Amino acid sequence: MRKIILPVLALMLFSSSFAQETKKENLPQTKEERRMAKLLKSATYPLIKSEPMSGVIPVNDVTEKPDPTMKYKLLFNVSIGSKDSAKIRKVNSGLSEVGRVINLHIASGIPKENLEVVVVVHGMALFSVANNEAYQSNFKIDNPNLVLMKELEDAGAKFIACGQAMAFLEFKHKDLLPNVKISITAQTALFNYQLKGFVKYDESTED
């Protein structure tokens, strides 16, 4: 009997310890993490609503506001991407940031029709703008970016894929979402829109 009880007791202790560790992982661990969680709870989503990290934290007593009658020409350079099995299941943080910046402008009182957004995509970020079939072929899961991409496109964002990156990654035109345009290179697309007066916003190249 003792031979049976000891392994069972050990298993119970291990299970209890594992449950406590799992519970800890699901809760904010530090004061800063608790503060951030509280902030995110208060976030608003004036236009792009599907991605939690695209939220806007409300600010009281704002004394500096942008001119809502101006045209805002926003250019994004997104090359974030990863083959990491955990990260490919999440929305691309570069695209989340595009959504956040759009929401920030709307929250600041700028009408949607005064925003002109161009997103140049290259590097591993190409997989984030792939159609579901191509994404599944590479990663065996659905593309987690599809809902956010639809929202961004509905908000008027234009997406341009880098042809050089496509060649290196053996990416075909048919692998892209239908509305994604193709440039011979990301660089000429970026320079072209900057010369047209677009303000370039760079996102990190690592994820």
N, C-alpha and C. Protein backbone atom coordinates (compact mmCIF):
# COMPACT_ATOMS: atom_id res chain seq x y z
N MET A 1 0.83 -1.21 0.00
CA MET A 1 0.00 0.00 0.00
C MET A 1 0.86 1.25 0.00
N ARG A 2 1.97 1.23 0.80
CA ARG A 2 2.83 2.39 0.91
C ARG A 2 3.45 2.73 -0.46
N LYS A 3 3.76 1.68 -1.25
CA LYS A 3 4.35 1.89 -2.57
C LYS A 3 3.39 2.64 -3.49
N ILE A 4 2.10 2.48 -3.30
CA ILE A 4 1.11 3.15 -4.11
C ILE A 4 0.90 4.58 -3.64
N ILE A 5 0.83 4.77 -2.30
CA ILE A 5 0.53 6.08 -1.72
C ILE A 5 1.61 7.10 -2.04
N LEU A 6 2.89 6.73 -1.94
CA LEU A 6 3.98 7.69 -2.14
C LEU A 6 3.98 8.31 -3.54
N PRO A 7 3.87 7.50 -4.62
CA PRO A 7 3.81 8.12 -5.95
C PRO A 7 2.59 9.02 -6.14
N VAL A 8 1.44 8.60 -5.58
CA VAL A 8 0.22 9.41 -5.70
C VAL A 8 0.40 10.74 -4.99
N LEU A 9 1.00 10.70 -3.78
CA LEU A 9 1.24 11.92 -3.01
C LEU A 9 2.19 12.85 -3.75
N ALA A 10 3.23 12.26 -4.36
CA ALA A 10 4.20 13.06 -5.11
C ALA A 10 3.52 13.73 -6.30
N LEU A 11 2.63 12.99 -6.97
CA LEU A 11 1.92 13.53 -8.12
C LEU A 11 1.00 14.67 -7.71
N MET A 12 0.34 14.50 -6.54
CA MET A 12 -0.55 15.55 -6.05
C MET A 12 0.22 16.83 -5.73
N LEU A 13 1.38 16.65 -5.09
CA LEU A 13 2.21 17.82 -4.75
C LEU A 13 2.69 18.53 -6.00
N PHE A 14 3.10 17.74 -7.02
CA PHE A 14 3.57 18.31 -8.27
C PHE A 14 2.43 19.07 -8.97
N SER A 15 1.23 18.46 -8.99
CA SER A 15 0.09 19.08 -9.65
C SER A 15 -0.28 20.39 -8.98
N SER A 16 -0.24 20.40 -7.63
CA SER A 16 -0.54 21.61 -6.88
C SER A 16 0.45 22.71 -7.18
N SER A 17 1.75 22.32 -7.22
CA SER A 17 2.81 23.29 -7.51
C SER A 17 2.66 23.84 -8.92
N PHE A 18 2.37 22.95 -9.88
CA PHE A 18 2.21 23.35 -11.27
C PHE A 18 1.03 24.29 -11.43
N ALA A 19 -0.07 23.99 -10.73
CA ALA A 19 -1.26 24.83 -10.81
C ALA A 19 -0.97 26.23 -10.28
N GLN A 20 -0.20 26.28 -9.17
CA GLN A 20 0.14 27.59 -8.59
C GLN A 20 1.02 28.39 -9.55
N GLU A 21 1.99 27.71 -10.18
CA GLU A 21 2.88 28.41 -11.13
C GLU A 21 2.10 28.90 -12.34
N THR A 22 1.16 28.05 -12.83
CA THR A 22 0.34 28.44 -13.98
C THR A 22 -0.52 29.64 -13.63
N LYS A 23 -1.08 29.62 -12.41
CA LYS A 23 -1.91 30.73 -11.97
C LYS A 23 -1.09 32.01 -11.90
N LYS A 24 0.16 31.88 -11.41
CA LYS A 24 1.05 33.03 -11.33
C LYS A 24 1.33 33.60 -12.70
N GLU A 25 1.55 32.71 -13.69
CA GLU A 25 1.88 33.16 -15.05
C GLU A 25 0.73 33.93 -15.67
N ASN A 26 -0.50 33.60 -15.26
CA ASN A 26 -1.66 34.25 -15.85
C ASN A 26 -2.01 35.58 -15.17
N LEU A 27 -1.30 35.92 -14.11
CA LEU A 27 -1.55 37.16 -13.39
C LEU A 27 -0.37 38.10 -13.55
N PRO A 28 -0.61 39.43 -13.54
CA PRO A 28 0.50 40.36 -13.56
C PRO A 28 1.43 40.11 -12.38
N GLN A 29 2.73 40.05 -12.65
CA GLN A 29 3.69 39.67 -11.63
C GLN A 29 4.27 40.85 -10.86
N THR A 30 4.31 42.00 -11.47
CA THR A 30 4.95 43.15 -10.84
C THR A 30 3.97 44.32 -10.75
N LYS A 31 4.37 45.30 -9.99
CA LYS A 31 3.56 46.51 -9.85
C LYS A 31 3.37 47.18 -11.20
N GLU A 32 4.46 47.21 -11.99
CA GLU A 32 4.40 47.83 -13.32
C GLU A 32 3.45 47.07 -14.24
N GLU A 33 3.48 45.74 -14.18
CA GLU A 33 2.58 44.94 -15.02
C GLU A 33 1.13 45.14 -14.60
N ARG A 34 0.89 45.26 -13.30
CA ARG A 34 -0.48 45.52 -12.82
C ARG A 34 -0.95 46.89 -13.29
N ARG A 35 -0.04 47.87 -13.26
CA ARG A 35 -0.38 49.21 -13.71
C ARG A 35 -0.73 49.21 -15.20
N MET A 36 0.08 48.47 -15.99
CA MET A 36 -0.17 48.39 -17.43
C MET A 36 -1.50 47.70 -17.73
N ALA A 37 -1.79 46.65 -16.97
CA ALA A 37 -3.05 45.93 -17.17
C ALA A 37 -4.25 46.85 -16.90
N LYS A 38 -4.11 47.68 -15.87
CA LYS A 38 -5.17 48.63 -15.53
C LYS A 38 -5.34 49.67 -16.64
N LEU A 39 -4.21 50.15 -17.16
CA LEU A 39 -4.26 51.12 -18.25
C LEU A 39 -4.96 50.54 -19.49
N LEU A 40 -4.57 49.31 -19.84
CA LEU A 40 -5.15 48.68 -21.02
C LEU A 40 -6.66 48.45 -20.86
N LYS A 41 -7.08 48.26 -19.62
CA LYS A 41 -8.51 48.07 -19.37
C LYS A 41 -9.30 49.33 -19.69
N SER A 42 -8.64 50.48 -19.56
CA SER A 42 -9.32 51.75 -19.80
C SER A 42 -9.24 52.19 -21.26
N ALA A 43 -8.53 51.41 -22.10
CA ALA A 43 -8.30 51.81 -23.49
C ALA A 43 -9.60 51.88 -24.28
N THR A 44 -9.62 52.81 -25.23
CA THR A 44 -10.76 52.94 -26.14
C THR A 44 -10.31 52.60 -27.57
N TYR A 45 -11.27 52.26 -28.41
CA TYR A 45 -10.97 51.81 -29.77
C TYR A 45 -11.90 52.54 -30.75
N PRO A 46 -11.56 53.78 -31.10
CA PRO A 46 -12.47 54.60 -31.91
C PRO A 46 -12.71 54.10 -33.33
N LEU A 47 -11.78 53.36 -33.93
CA LEU A 47 -11.98 52.86 -35.29
C LEU A 47 -11.51 51.42 -35.46
N ILE A 48 -10.27 51.14 -35.11
CA ILE A 48 -9.72 49.78 -35.20
C ILE A 48 -10.00 49.08 -33.87
N LYS A 49 -10.86 48.08 -33.89
CA LYS A 49 -11.38 47.53 -32.64
C LYS A 49 -10.94 46.11 -32.31
N SER A 50 -10.40 45.39 -33.28
CA SER A 50 -10.17 43.96 -33.08
C SER A 50 -8.89 43.64 -32.31
N GLU A 51 -7.96 44.58 -32.28
CA GLU A 51 -6.65 44.29 -31.69
C GLU A 51 -6.45 45.05 -30.38
N PRO A 52 -6.34 44.34 -29.23
CA PRO A 52 -6.20 45.00 -27.92
C PRO A 52 -5.05 46.00 -27.85
N MET A 53 -3.93 45.71 -28.52
CA MET A 53 -2.78 46.60 -28.44
C MET A 53 -2.91 47.83 -29.34
N SER A 54 -4.03 47.96 -30.02
CA SER A 54 -4.28 49.16 -30.83
C SER A 54 -5.13 50.19 -30.08
N GLY A 55 -5.29 49.98 -28.77
CA GLY A 55 -6.13 50.86 -27.98
C GLY A 55 -5.49 52.20 -27.66
N VAL A 56 -6.34 53.15 -27.26
CA VAL A 56 -5.91 54.50 -26.89
C VAL A 56 -6.26 54.73 -25.43
N ILE A 57 -5.27 55.13 -24.64
CA ILE A 57 -5.52 55.44 -23.23
C ILE A 57 -6.10 56.85 -23.14
N PRO A 58 -7.27 57.03 -22.50
CA PRO A 58 -7.86 58.37 -22.38
C PRO A 58 -6.94 59.34 -21.62
N VAL A 59 -6.88 60.57 -22.08
CA VAL A 59 -6.06 61.60 -21.44
C VAL A 59 -6.94 62.80 -21.13
N ASN A 60 -6.92 63.24 -19.88
CA ASN A 60 -7.71 64.40 -19.47
C ASN A 60 -6.93 65.70 -19.67
N ASP A 61 -7.67 66.79 -19.81
CA ASP A 61 -7.07 68.14 -19.87
C ASP A 61 -6.04 68.28 -20.99
N VAL A 62 -6.38 67.79 -22.18
CA VAL A 62 -5.48 67.94 -23.32
C VAL A 62 -5.43 69.41 -23.74
N THR A 63 -4.21 69.95 -23.88
CA THR A 63 -4.05 71.37 -24.23
C THR A 63 -3.41 71.58 -25.60
N GLU A 64 -2.99 70.52 -26.24
CA GLU A 64 -2.40 70.60 -27.58
C GLU A 64 -3.12 69.62 -28.49
N LYS A 65 -3.79 70.15 -29.50
CA LYS A 65 -4.57 69.29 -30.38
C LYS A 65 -4.16 69.51 -31.84
N PRO A 66 -4.17 68.44 -32.65
CA PRO A 66 -3.85 68.59 -34.07
C PRO A 66 -5.00 69.27 -34.82
N ASP A 67 -4.68 69.84 -35.95
CA ASP A 67 -5.67 70.52 -36.78
C ASP A 67 -6.53 69.46 -37.49
N PRO A 68 -7.82 69.39 -37.17
CA PRO A 68 -8.67 68.35 -37.76
C PRO A 68 -9.01 68.60 -39.23
N THR A 69 -8.68 69.79 -39.75
CA THR A 69 -9.00 70.10 -41.14
C THR A 69 -7.87 69.70 -42.10
N MET A 70 -6.70 69.37 -41.55
CA MET A 70 -5.56 69.00 -42.38
C MET A 70 -5.67 67.56 -42.88
N LYS A 71 -4.93 67.25 -43.95
CA LYS A 71 -4.79 65.88 -44.43
C LYS A 71 -3.55 65.28 -43.76
N TYR A 72 -3.69 64.10 -43.21
CA TYR A 72 -2.58 63.43 -42.52
C TYR A 72 -2.14 62.23 -43.36
N LYS A 73 -0.94 62.37 -43.92
CA LYS A 73 -0.40 61.34 -44.82
C LYS A 73 0.63 60.52 -44.05
N LEU A 74 0.25 59.30 -43.69
CA LEU A 74 1.04 58.47 -42.78
C LEU A 74 1.64 57.29 -43.53
N LEU A 75 2.94 57.11 -43.38
CA LEU A 75 3.66 56.04 -44.07
C LEU A 75 4.31 55.11 -43.04
N PHE A 76 4.03 53.83 -43.16
CA PHE A 76 4.56 52.84 -42.22
C PHE A 76 5.49 51.86 -42.93
N ASN A 77 6.57 51.53 -42.26
CA ASN A 77 7.54 50.56 -42.76
C ASN A 77 7.51 49.36 -41.82
N VAL A 78 6.85 48.30 -42.22
CA VAL A 78 6.65 47.14 -41.34
C VAL A 78 7.44 45.94 -41.86
N SER A 79 8.42 45.50 -41.08
CA SER A 79 9.18 44.31 -41.47
C SER A 79 9.22 43.29 -40.34
N ILE A 80 8.43 43.54 -39.30
CA ILE A 80 8.36 42.61 -38.18
C ILE A 80 7.81 41.26 -38.64
N GLY A 81 8.41 40.21 -38.15
CA GLY A 81 7.93 38.87 -38.46
C GLY A 81 8.77 37.86 -37.72
N SER A 82 8.26 36.65 -37.59
CA SER A 82 8.99 35.63 -36.86
C SER A 82 8.55 34.24 -37.29
N LYS A 83 9.49 33.31 -37.22
CA LYS A 83 9.14 31.90 -37.45
C LYS A 83 8.92 31.19 -36.11
N ASP A 84 9.05 31.94 -35.03
CA ASP A 84 8.84 31.38 -33.69
C ASP A 84 7.41 30.86 -33.59
N SER A 85 7.26 29.61 -33.16
CA SER A 85 5.95 28.95 -33.17
C SER A 85 4.93 29.67 -32.28
N ALA A 86 5.38 30.32 -31.20
CA ALA A 86 4.44 31.03 -30.33
C ALA A 86 4.00 32.34 -30.98
N LYS A 87 4.93 33.03 -31.63
CA LYS A 87 4.62 34.35 -32.17
C LYS A 87 3.82 34.32 -33.46
N ILE A 88 3.97 33.26 -34.25
CA ILE A 88 3.22 33.20 -35.50
C ILE A 88 1.73 33.00 -35.25
N ARG A 89 1.36 32.68 -34.02
CA ARG A 89 -0.04 32.51 -33.66
C ARG A 89 -0.67 33.81 -33.19
N LYS A 90 0.13 34.87 -33.12
CA LYS A 90 -0.35 36.16 -32.63
C LYS A 90 -0.40 37.17 -33.76
N VAL A 91 -1.19 38.22 -33.54
CA VAL A 91 -1.25 39.31 -34.51
C VAL A 91 0.12 39.99 -34.58
N ASN A 92 0.56 40.32 -35.79
CA ASN A 92 1.83 41.00 -35.99
C ASN A 92 1.81 42.34 -35.25
N SER A 93 2.79 42.56 -34.38
CA SER A 93 2.80 43.77 -33.56
C SER A 93 3.02 45.03 -34.39
N GLY A 94 3.67 44.88 -35.56
CA GLY A 94 3.81 46.03 -36.45
C GLY A 94 2.47 46.49 -36.99
N LEU A 95 1.61 45.53 -37.35
CA LEU A 95 0.28 45.87 -37.83
C LEU A 95 -0.59 46.41 -36.70
N SER A 96 -0.40 45.87 -35.49
CA SER A 96 -1.12 46.41 -34.31
C SER A 96 -0.79 47.87 -34.12
N GLU A 97 0.49 48.22 -34.34
CA GLU A 97 0.92 49.60 -34.17
C GLU A 97 0.31 50.52 -35.23
N VAL A 98 0.16 50.02 -36.44
CA VAL A 98 -0.53 50.80 -37.47
C VAL A 98 -1.95 51.11 -37.00
N GLY A 99 -2.63 50.09 -36.47
CA GLY A 99 -3.98 50.29 -35.94
C GLY A 99 -4.01 51.28 -34.80
N ARG A 100 -3.00 51.21 -33.93
CA ARG A 100 -2.95 52.12 -32.78
C ARG A 100 -2.76 53.57 -33.22
N VAL A 101 -1.88 53.78 -34.19
CA VAL A 101 -1.63 55.15 -34.67
C VAL A 101 -2.89 55.72 -35.35
N ILE A 102 -3.58 54.89 -36.10
CA ILE A 102 -4.85 55.33 -36.70
C ILE A 102 -5.83 55.71 -35.59
N ASN A 103 -5.97 54.86 -34.59
CA ASN A 103 -6.88 55.15 -33.49
C ASN A 103 -6.49 56.42 -32.74
N LEU A 104 -5.18 56.65 -32.58
CA LEU A 104 -4.71 57.87 -31.90
C LEU A 104 -5.14 59.12 -32.66
N HIS A 105 -5.06 59.06 -33.99
CA HIS A 105 -5.47 60.21 -34.78
C HIS A 105 -6.98 60.44 -34.69
N ILE A 106 -7.74 59.36 -34.75
CA ILE A 106 -9.20 59.50 -34.64
C ILE A 106 -9.58 60.03 -33.26
N ALA A 107 -8.93 59.50 -32.22
CA ALA A 107 -9.21 59.96 -30.85
C ALA A 107 -8.82 61.42 -30.65
N SER A 108 -7.89 61.90 -31.47
CA SER A 108 -7.45 63.30 -31.38
C SER A 108 -8.38 64.24 -32.13
N GLY A 109 -9.42 63.70 -32.75
CA GLY A 109 -10.41 64.53 -33.42
C GLY A 109 -10.22 64.66 -34.92
N ILE A 110 -9.32 63.87 -35.49
CA ILE A 110 -9.08 63.92 -36.94
C ILE A 110 -10.06 62.98 -37.63
N PRO A 111 -10.85 63.47 -38.58
CA PRO A 111 -11.81 62.59 -39.26
C PRO A 111 -11.12 61.50 -40.07
N LYS A 112 -11.76 60.36 -40.15
CA LYS A 112 -11.21 59.23 -40.90
C LYS A 112 -10.87 59.63 -42.34
N GLU A 113 -11.72 60.46 -42.96
CA GLU A 113 -11.50 60.84 -44.36
C GLU A 113 -10.27 61.74 -44.55
N ASN A 114 -9.72 62.27 -43.46
CA ASN A 114 -8.52 63.09 -43.55
C ASN A 114 -7.24 62.29 -43.33
N LEU A 115 -7.39 60.98 -43.17
CA LEU A 115 -6.22 60.11 -43.01
C LEU A 115 -5.92 59.39 -44.32
N GLU A 116 -4.66 59.43 -44.72
CA GLU A 116 -4.21 58.65 -45.86
C GLU A 116 -3.05 57.78 -45.37
N VAL A 117 -3.27 56.48 -45.34
CA VAL A 117 -2.32 55.56 -44.71
C VAL A 117 -1.76 54.59 -45.74
N VAL A 118 -0.43 54.52 -45.80
CA VAL A 118 0.25 53.57 -46.67
C VAL A 118 1.18 52.71 -45.82
N VAL A 119 1.10 51.40 -45.98
CA VAL A 119 1.92 50.47 -45.21
C VAL A 119 2.78 49.66 -46.17
N VAL A 120 4.10 49.86 -46.08
CA VAL A 120 5.04 49.10 -46.92
C VAL A 120 5.51 47.90 -46.11
N VAL A 121 5.33 46.71 -46.65
CA VAL A 121 5.60 45.47 -45.92
C VAL A 121 6.74 44.71 -46.59
N HIS A 122 7.72 44.33 -45.80
CA HIS A 122 8.82 43.52 -46.34
C HIS A 122 9.39 42.62 -45.25
N GLY A 123 10.44 41.85 -45.60
CA GLY A 123 10.98 40.90 -44.63
C GLY A 123 9.95 39.85 -44.26
N MET A 124 10.10 39.31 -43.06
CA MET A 124 9.20 38.24 -42.59
C MET A 124 7.77 38.72 -42.40
N ALA A 125 7.56 40.04 -42.39
CA ALA A 125 6.20 40.56 -42.24
C ALA A 125 5.32 40.20 -43.44
N LEU A 126 5.95 39.80 -44.55
CA LEU A 126 5.16 39.40 -45.72
C LEU A 126 4.16 38.30 -45.38
N PHE A 127 4.56 37.40 -44.48
CA PHE A 127 3.65 36.30 -44.13
C PHE A 127 2.39 36.81 -43.43
N SER A 128 2.49 37.97 -42.78
CA SER A 128 1.34 38.53 -42.08
C SER A 128 0.28 39.04 -43.04
N VAL A 129 0.70 39.38 -44.28
CA VAL A 129 -0.27 39.84 -45.28
C VAL A 129 -0.54 38.76 -46.33
N ALA A 130 -0.24 37.53 -45.96
CA ALA A 130 -0.52 36.38 -46.84
C ALA A 130 -1.98 35.97 -46.70
N ASN A 131 -2.52 35.39 -47.75
CA ASN A 131 -3.87 34.84 -47.63
C ASN A 131 -3.82 33.60 -46.73
N ASN A 132 -4.98 33.16 -46.31
CA ASN A 132 -5.04 32.09 -45.32
C ASN A 132 -4.43 30.79 -45.84
N GLU A 133 -4.63 30.52 -47.10
CA GLU A 133 -4.10 29.28 -47.70
C GLU A 133 -2.57 29.26 -47.63
N ALA A 134 -1.94 30.38 -47.99
CA ALA A 134 -0.48 30.47 -47.96
C ALA A 134 0.04 30.40 -46.54
N TYR A 135 -0.66 31.04 -45.60
CA TYR A 135 -0.23 31.02 -44.20
C TYR A 135 -0.31 29.61 -43.64
N GLN A 136 -1.41 28.94 -43.93
CA GLN A 136 -1.58 27.55 -43.47
C GLN A 136 -0.52 26.64 -44.06
N SER A 137 -0.16 26.88 -45.31
CA SER A 137 0.85 26.06 -45.98
C SER A 137 2.20 26.18 -45.29
N ASN A 138 2.50 27.37 -44.77
CA ASN A 138 3.79 27.61 -44.11
C ASN A 138 3.78 27.26 -42.63
N PHE A 139 2.67 27.56 -41.94
CA PHE A 139 2.67 27.43 -40.49
C PHE A 139 1.64 26.46 -39.92
N LYS A 140 0.80 25.89 -40.79
CA LYS A 140 -0.20 24.88 -40.37
C LYS A 140 -1.27 25.45 -39.45
N ILE A 141 -1.44 26.76 -39.45
CA ILE A 141 -2.51 27.41 -38.68
C ILE A 141 -3.12 28.53 -39.53
N ASP A 142 -4.30 29.02 -39.12
CA ASP A 142 -4.91 30.16 -39.80
C ASP A 142 -4.11 31.42 -39.56
N ASN A 143 -4.14 32.33 -40.52
CA ASN A 143 -3.45 33.62 -40.37
C ASN A 143 -4.18 34.46 -39.32
N PRO A 144 -3.53 34.76 -38.18
CA PRO A 144 -4.19 35.51 -37.11
C PRO A 144 -4.36 36.99 -37.43
N ASN A 145 -3.80 37.45 -38.55
CA ASN A 145 -3.84 38.87 -38.90
C ASN A 145 -5.02 39.26 -39.79
N LEU A 146 -5.83 38.30 -40.21
CA LEU A 146 -6.84 38.56 -41.22
C LEU A 146 -7.91 39.57 -40.77
N VAL A 147 -8.37 39.45 -39.53
CA VAL A 147 -9.41 40.37 -39.04
C VAL A 147 -8.86 41.79 -38.97
N LEU A 148 -7.65 41.94 -38.42
CA LEU A 148 -7.04 43.27 -38.32
C LEU A 148 -6.76 43.84 -39.72
N MET A 149 -6.26 43.01 -40.63
CA MET A 149 -6.01 43.47 -42.00
C MET A 149 -7.28 44.00 -42.64
N LYS A 150 -8.39 43.30 -42.45
CA LYS A 150 -9.68 43.74 -43.02
C LYS A 150 -10.07 45.09 -42.43
N GLU A 151 -9.90 45.25 -41.13
CA GLU A 151 -10.23 46.52 -40.48
C GLU A 151 -9.36 47.66 -41.02
N LEU A 152 -8.07 47.40 -41.16
CA LEU A 152 -7.15 48.42 -41.65
C LEU A 152 -7.49 48.81 -43.09
N GLU A 153 -7.79 47.83 -43.92
CA GLU A 153 -8.17 48.11 -45.30
C GLU A 153 -9.49 48.88 -45.36
N ASP A 154 -10.45 48.51 -44.51
CA ASP A 154 -11.73 49.22 -44.46
C ASP A 154 -11.53 50.67 -43.99
N ALA A 155 -10.48 50.89 -43.20
CA ALA A 155 -10.16 52.25 -42.73
C ALA A 155 -9.43 53.05 -43.80
N GLY A 156 -9.12 52.41 -44.93
CA GLY A 156 -8.49 53.12 -46.04
C GLY A 156 -7.00 52.88 -46.20
N ALA A 157 -6.41 52.00 -45.37
CA ALA A 157 -4.97 51.75 -45.46
C ALA A 157 -4.63 51.00 -46.74
N LYS A 158 -3.56 51.44 -47.38
CA LYS A 158 -3.06 50.78 -48.60
C LYS A 158 -1.82 49.98 -48.24
N PHE A 159 -1.73 48.74 -48.69
CA PHE A 159 -0.60 47.87 -48.38
C PHE A 159 0.23 47.59 -49.64
N ILE A 160 1.55 47.71 -49.48
CA ILE A 160 2.47 47.47 -50.59
C ILE A 160 3.53 46.46 -50.14
N ALA A 161 3.66 45.37 -50.88
CA ALA A 161 4.66 44.34 -50.56
C ALA A 161 5.94 44.59 -51.35
N CYS A 162 7.07 44.27 -50.73
CA CYS A 162 8.38 44.42 -51.36
C CYS A 162 8.66 43.22 -52.27
N GLY A 163 8.87 43.49 -53.57
CA GLY A 163 9.14 42.42 -54.52
C GLY A 163 10.45 41.70 -54.28
N GLN A 164 11.46 42.43 -53.76
CA GLN A 164 12.75 41.81 -53.47
C GLN A 164 12.61 40.79 -52.34
N ALA A 165 11.89 41.18 -51.29
CA ALA A 165 11.65 40.25 -50.17
C ALA A 165 10.84 39.05 -50.63
N MET A 166 9.89 39.29 -51.52
CA MET A 166 9.09 38.18 -52.05
C MET A 166 9.97 37.17 -52.78
N ALA A 167 10.92 37.68 -53.55
CA ALA A 167 11.82 36.79 -54.29
C ALA A 167 12.67 35.95 -53.35
N PHE A 168 13.24 36.60 -52.33
CA PHE A 168 14.10 35.88 -51.39
C PHE A 168 13.32 34.84 -50.59
N LEU A 169 12.06 35.16 -50.28
CA LEU A 169 11.24 34.25 -49.47
C LEU A 169 10.40 33.30 -50.33
N GLU A 170 10.62 33.35 -51.65
CA GLU A 170 9.87 32.52 -52.60
C GLU A 170 8.36 32.72 -52.44
N PHE A 171 8.00 33.98 -52.35
CA PHE A 171 6.62 34.39 -52.15
C PHE A 171 6.02 34.74 -53.50
N LYS A 172 4.87 34.18 -53.82
CA LYS A 172 4.21 34.45 -55.11
C LYS A 172 3.08 35.47 -54.93
N HIS A 173 2.73 36.13 -56.03
CA HIS A 173 1.64 37.11 -56.01
C HIS A 173 0.35 36.47 -55.46
N LYS A 174 0.11 35.23 -55.87
CA LYS A 174 -1.12 34.54 -55.44
C LYS A 174 -1.14 34.25 -53.94
N ASP A 175 0.01 34.37 -53.27
CA ASP A 175 0.08 34.11 -51.83
C ASP A 175 -0.39 35.30 -51.00
N LEU A 176 -0.45 36.48 -51.63
CA LEU A 176 -0.82 37.70 -50.91
C LEU A 176 -2.33 37.85 -50.82
N LEU A 177 -2.78 38.63 -49.83
CA LEU A 177 -4.18 39.02 -49.77
C LEU A 177 -4.51 39.85 -51.02
N PRO A 178 -5.74 39.80 -51.51
CA PRO A 178 -6.09 40.38 -52.82
C PRO A 178 -5.74 41.86 -53.00
N ASN A 179 -5.87 42.67 -51.95
CA ASN A 179 -5.67 44.12 -52.11
C ASN A 179 -4.24 44.58 -51.88
N VAL A 180 -3.32 43.67 -51.62
CA VAL A 180 -1.93 44.06 -51.38
C VAL A 180 -1.23 44.29 -52.72
N LYS A 181 -0.67 45.50 -52.89
CA LYS A 181 0.05 45.84 -54.12
C LYS A 181 1.49 45.34 -54.02
N ILE A 182 2.21 45.33 -55.17
CA ILE A 182 3.60 44.87 -55.18
C ILE A 182 4.48 45.96 -55.80
N SER A 183 5.56 46.30 -55.08
CA SER A 183 6.57 47.22 -55.61
C SER A 183 7.83 46.40 -55.90
N ILE A 184 8.65 46.86 -56.85
CA ILE A 184 9.88 46.14 -57.14
C ILE A 184 10.76 46.04 -55.90
N THR A 185 10.66 47.05 -55.02
CA THR A 185 11.39 47.04 -53.75
C THR A 185 10.69 47.94 -52.75
N ALA A 186 10.85 47.65 -51.48
CA ALA A 186 10.28 48.49 -50.42
C ALA A 186 10.89 49.89 -50.45
N GLN A 187 12.18 49.97 -50.77
CA GLN A 187 12.88 51.25 -50.69
C GLN A 187 12.30 52.30 -51.64
N THR A 188 12.06 51.90 -52.89
CA THR A 188 11.52 52.89 -53.83
C THR A 188 10.10 53.31 -53.43
N ALA A 189 9.34 52.38 -52.89
CA ALA A 189 7.98 52.72 -52.42
C ALA A 189 8.06 53.72 -51.27
N LEU A 190 8.97 53.47 -50.33
CA LEU A 190 9.13 54.38 -49.19
C LEU A 190 9.58 55.76 -49.64
N PHE A 191 10.59 55.81 -50.53
CA PHE A 191 11.08 57.11 -51.01
C PHE A 191 9.99 57.84 -51.80
N ASN A 192 9.27 57.09 -52.62
CA ASN A 192 8.22 57.68 -53.45
C ASN A 192 7.18 58.39 -52.59
N TYR A 193 6.71 57.72 -51.55
CA TYR A 193 5.66 58.33 -50.72
C TYR A 193 6.21 59.44 -49.82
N GLN A 194 7.45 59.33 -49.40
CA GLN A 194 8.04 60.43 -48.63
C GLN A 194 8.15 61.69 -49.48
N LEU A 195 8.54 61.53 -50.74
CA LEU A 195 8.64 62.68 -51.65
C LEU A 195 7.27 63.28 -51.95
N LYS A 196 6.21 62.48 -51.74
CA LYS A 196 4.85 62.98 -51.90
C LYS A 196 4.32 63.64 -50.63
N GLY A 197 5.17 63.72 -49.62
CA GLY A 197 4.76 64.41 -48.40
C GLY A 197 4.27 63.52 -47.27
N PHE A 198 4.42 62.20 -47.42
CA PHE A 198 4.02 61.29 -46.34
C PHE A 198 5.07 61.32 -45.23
N VAL A 199 4.61 61.22 -44.00
CA VAL A 199 5.50 61.18 -42.84
C VAL A 199 5.75 59.72 -42.49
N LYS A 200 7.02 59.34 -42.47
CA LYS A 200 7.39 57.93 -42.28
C LYS A 200 7.50 57.58 -40.79
N TYR A 201 6.87 56.50 -40.44
CA TYR A 201 6.91 55.96 -39.08
C TYR A 201 7.56 54.59 -39.15
N ASP A 202 8.63 54.40 -38.42
CA ASP A 202 9.33 53.12 -38.45
C ASP A 202 8.96 52.26 -37.26
N GLU A 203 8.62 51.02 -37.54
CA GLU A 203 8.39 50.04 -36.47
C GLU A 203 9.61 49.16 -36.35
N SER A 204 9.80 48.55 -35.20
CA SER A 204 10.95 47.66 -34.97
C SER A 204 10.97 46.55 -36.00
N THR A 205 12.17 46.08 -36.32
CA THR A 205 12.32 44.99 -37.29
C THR A 205 12.44 43.64 -36.62
N GLU A 206 12.25 43.58 -35.30
CA GLU A 206 12.37 42.30 -34.60
C GLU A 206 11.12 42.03 -33.82
N ASP A 207 10.75 40.76 -33.72
CA ASP A 207 9.56 40.37 -32.96
C ASP A 207 9.85 39.05 -32.25
